[in-house]
Amino acid sequence: HADGIYTSDVASLTDYLKSKRFVESLSNYNKRQNDRRM
C-alpha cells in the first residue's frame, strides 16, 4: 500500500529533520556558552 509507506517516510523524515535541527541548536548553544567563557 503506497500511501502507508509514503506517510511513514514523511513522518520519519520529519523526525530526522527535527532531531537534526535540535542537534544544530544544541551545538549553537554550546558555542555561545564557550564564547561567553573566553
PDB file of N, CA and C in Angstrom:
ATOM      1  N   HIS A   1       0.857  -1.194   0.000  1.00  0.00           N
ATOM      2  CA  HIS A   1       0.000   0.000   0.000  1.00  0.00           C
ATOM      3  C   HIS A   1       0.892   1.243   0.000  1.00  0.00           C
ATOM      4  N   ALA A   2       0.888   1.958  -1.092  1.00  0.00           N
ATOM      5  CA  ALA A   2       1.834   3.060  -1.280  1.00  0.00           C
ATOM      6  C   ALA A   2       1.592   4.198  -0.292  1.00  0.00           C
ATOM      7  N   ASP A   3       0.340   4.516  -0.025  1.00  0.00           N
ATOM      8  CA  ASP A   3       0.035   5.648   0.858  1.00  0.00           C
ATOM      9  C   ASP A   3       0.656   5.454   2.237  1.00  0.00           C
ATOM     10  N   GLY A   4       0.531   4.243   2.786  1.00  0.00           N
ATOM     11  CA  GLY A   4       1.073   3.973   4.117  1.00  0.00           C
ATOM     12  C   GLY A   4       2.581   4.157   4.148  1.00  0.00           C
ATOM     13  N   ILE A   5       3.244   3.652   3.112  1.00  0.00           N
ATOM     14  CA  ILE A   5       4.699   3.771   3.046  1.00  0.00           C
ATOM     15  C   ILE A   5       5.095   5.241   2.944  1.00  0.00           C
ATOM     16  N   TYR A   6       4.386   5.968   2.094  1.00  0.00           N
ATOM     17  CA  TYR A   6       4.693   7.384   1.901  1.00  0.00           C
ATOM     18  C   TYR A   6       4.531   8.147   3.210  1.00  0.00           C
ATOM     19  N   THR A   7       3.428   7.895   3.910  1.00  0.00           N
ATOM     20  CA  THR A   7       3.159   8.603   5.162  1.00  0.00           C
ATOM     21  C   THR A   7       4.257   8.327   6.181  1.00  0.00           C
ATOM     22  N   SER A   8       4.657   7.067   6.309  1.00  0.00           N
ATOM     23  CA  SER A   8       5.686   6.738   7.299  1.00  0.00           C
ATOM     24  C   SER A   8       7.025   7.352   6.889  1.00  0.00           C
ATOM     25  N   ASP A   9       7.287   7.418   5.580  1.00  0.00           N
ATOM     26  CA  ASP A   9       8.514   8.063   5.102  1.00  0.00           C
ATOM     27  C   ASP A   9       8.534   9.533   5.492  1.00  0.00           C
ATOM     28  N   VAL A  10       7.410  10.200   5.282  1.00  0.00           N
ATOM     29  CA  VAL A  10       7.324  11.619   5.625  1.00  0.00           C
ATOM     30  C   VAL A  10       7.490  11.800   7.124  1.00  0.00           C
ATOM     31  N   ALA A  11       6.879  10.920   7.907  1.00  0.00           N
ATOM     32  CA  ALA A  11       6.968  11.022   9.363  1.00  0.00           C
ATOM     33  C   ALA A  11       8.415  10.842   9.819  1.00  0.00           C
ATOM     34  N   SER A  12       9.102   9.854   9.266  1.00  0.00           N
ATOM     35  CA  SER A  12      10.486   9.616   9.683  1.00  0.00           C
ATOM     36  C   SER A  12      11.388  10.745   9.198  1.00  0.00           C
ATOM     37  N   LEU A  13      11.072  11.291   8.027  1.00  0.00           N
ATOM     38  CA  LEU A  13      11.852  12.417   7.523  1.00  0.00           C
ATOM     39  C   LEU A  13      11.666  13.628   8.424  1.00  0.00           C
ATOM     40  N   THR A  14      10.427  13.859   8.851  1.00  0.00           N
ATOM     41  CA  THR A  14      10.135  14.972   9.754  1.00  0.00           C
ATOM     42  C   THR A  14      10.883  14.782  11.066  1.00  0.00           C
ATOM     43  N   ASP A  15      10.856  13.557  11.593  1.00  0.00           N
ATOM     44  CA  ASP A  15      11.580  13.268  12.836  1.00  0.00           C
ATOM     45  C   ASP A  15      13.073  13.519  12.651  1.00  0.00           C
ATOM     46  N   TYR A  16      13.593  13.112  11.489  1.00  0.00           N
ATOM     47  CA  TYR A  16      15.015  13.289  11.204  1.00  0.00           C
ATOM     48  C   TYR A  16      15.369  14.775  11.176  1.00  0.00           C
ATOM     49  N   LEU A  17      14.545  15.561  10.480  1.00  0.00           N
ATOM     50  CA  LEU A  17      14.812  16.994  10.386  1.00  0.00           C
ATOM     51  C   LEU A  17      14.704  17.652  11.744  1.00  0.00           C
ATOM     52  N   LYS A  18      13.714  17.203  12.536  1.00  0.00           N
ATOM     53  CA  LYS A  18      13.532  17.765  13.876  1.00  0.00           C
ATOM     54  C   LYS A  18      14.765  17.490  14.727  1.00  0.00           C
ATOM     55  N   SER A  19      15.256  16.252  14.694  1.00  0.00           N
ATOM     56  CA  SER A  19      16.407  15.899  15.524  1.00  0.00           C
ATOM     57  C   SER A  19      17.661  16.613  15.019  1.00  0.00           C
ATOM     58  N   LYS A  20      17.767  16.767  13.695  1.00  0.00           N
ATOM     59  CA  LYS A  20      18.910  17.480  13.117  1.00  0.00           C
ATOM     60  C   LYS A  20      18.900  18.929  13.599  1.00  0.00           C
ATOM     61  N   ARG A  21      17.709  19.540  13.550  1.00  0.00           N
ATOM     62  CA  ARG A  21      17.590  20.923  13.986  1.00  0.00           C
ATOM     63  C   ARG A  21      17.901  21.033  15.470  1.00  0.00           C
ATOM     64  N   PHE A  22      17.471  20.028  16.228  1.00  0.00           N
ATOM     65  CA  PHE A  22      17.726  20.027  17.668  1.00  0.00           C
ATOM     66  C   PHE A  22      19.221  19.963  17.935  1.00  0.00           C
ATOM     67  N   VAL A  23      19.903  19.086  17.216  1.00  0.00           N
ATOM     68  CA  VAL A  23      21.351  18.948  17.394  1.00  0.00           C
ATOM     69  C   VAL A  23      22.056  20.246  17.018  1.00  0.00           C
ATOM     70  N   GLU A  24      21.596  20.876  15.919  1.00  0.00           N
ATOM     71  CA  GLU A  24      22.221  22.127  15.489  1.00  0.00           C
ATOM     72  C   GLU A  24      22.036  23.221  16.528  1.00  0.00           C
ATOM     73  N   SER A  25      20.821  23.341  17.043  1.00  0.00           N
ATOM     74  CA  SER A  25      20.564  24.389  18.033  1.00  0.00           C
ATOM     75  C   SER A  25      21.327  24.098  19.323  1.00  0.00           C
ATOM     76  N   LEU A  26      21.484  22.815  19.631  1.00  0.00           N
ATOM     77  CA  LEU A  26      22.225  22.442  20.835  1.00  0.00           C
ATOM     78  C   LEU A  26      23.695  22.830  20.690  1.00  0.00           C
ATOM     79  N   SER A  27      24.288  22.549  19.538  1.00  0.00           N
ATOM     80  CA  SER A  27      25.696  22.888  19.335  1.00  0.00           C
ATOM     81  C   SER A  27      25.878  24.401  19.258  1.00  0.00           C
ATOM     82  N   ASN A  28      24.890  25.100  18.701  1.00  0.00           N
ATOM     83  CA  ASN A  28      24.960  26.564  18.690  1.00  0.00           C
ATOM     84  C   ASN A  28      24.931  27.101  20.108  1.00  0.00           C
ATOM     85  N   TYR A  29      24.097  26.510  20.945  1.00  0.00           N
ATOM     86  CA  TYR A  29      24.000  26.919  22.349  1.00  0.00           C
ATOM     87  C   TYR A  29      25.333  26.688  23.051  1.00  0.00           C
ATOM     88  N   ASN A  30      25.936  25.523  22.809  1.00  0.00           N
ATOM     89  CA  ASN A  30      27.233  25.216  23.421  1.00  0.00           C
ATOM     90  C   ASN A  30      28.298  26.207  22.963  1.00  0.00           C
ATOM     91  N   LYS A  31      28.247  26.561  21.674  1.00  0.00           N
ATOM     92  CA  LYS A  31      29.208  27.517  21.144  1.00  0.00           C
ATOM     93  C   LYS A  31      29.086  28.852  21.862  1.00  0.00           C
ATOM     94  N   ARG A  32      27.837  29.276  22.066  1.00  0.00           N
ATOM     95  CA  ARG A  32      27.601  30.552  22.729  1.00  0.00           C
ATOM     96  C   ARG A  32      28.137  30.525  24.159  1.00  0.00           C
ATOM     97  N   GLN A  33      27.928  29.400  24.843  1.00  0.00           N
ATOM     98  CA  GLN A  33      28.417  29.278  26.218  1.00  0.00           C
ATOM     99  C   GLN A  33      29.946  29.356  26.241  1.00  0.00           C
ATOM    100  N   ASN A  34      30.585  28.720  25.275  1.00  0.00           N
ATOM    101  CA  ASN A  34      32.047  28.741  25.215  1.00  0.00           C
ATOM    102  C   ASN A  34      32.558  30.146  24.935  1.00  0.00           C
ATOM    103  N   ASP A  35      31.873  30.870  24.053  1.00  0.00           N
ATOM    104  CA  ASP A  35      32.281  32.240  23.735  1.00  0.00           C
ATOM    105  C   ASP A  35      32.206  33.115  24.975  1.00  0.00           C
ATOM    106  N   ARG A  36      31.171  32.901  25.762  1.00  0.00           N
ATOM    107  CA  ARG A  36      30.992  33.711  26.957  1.00  0.00           C
ATOM    108  C   ARG A  36      32.132  33.455  27.952  1.00  0.00           C
ATOM    109  N   ARG A  37      32.611  32.201  28.002  1.00  0.00           N
ATOM    110  CA  ARG A  37      33.643  31.835  28.959  1.00  0.00           C
ATOM    111  C   ARG A  37      34.984  32.478  28.600  1.00  0.00           C
ATOM    112  N   MET A  38      35.243  32.664  27.298  1.00  0.00           N
ATOM    113  CA  MET A  38      36.549  33.168  26.875  1.00  0.00           C
ATOM    114  C   MET A  38      36.736  34.648  27.161  1.00  0.00           C
TER     115      MET A  38
END
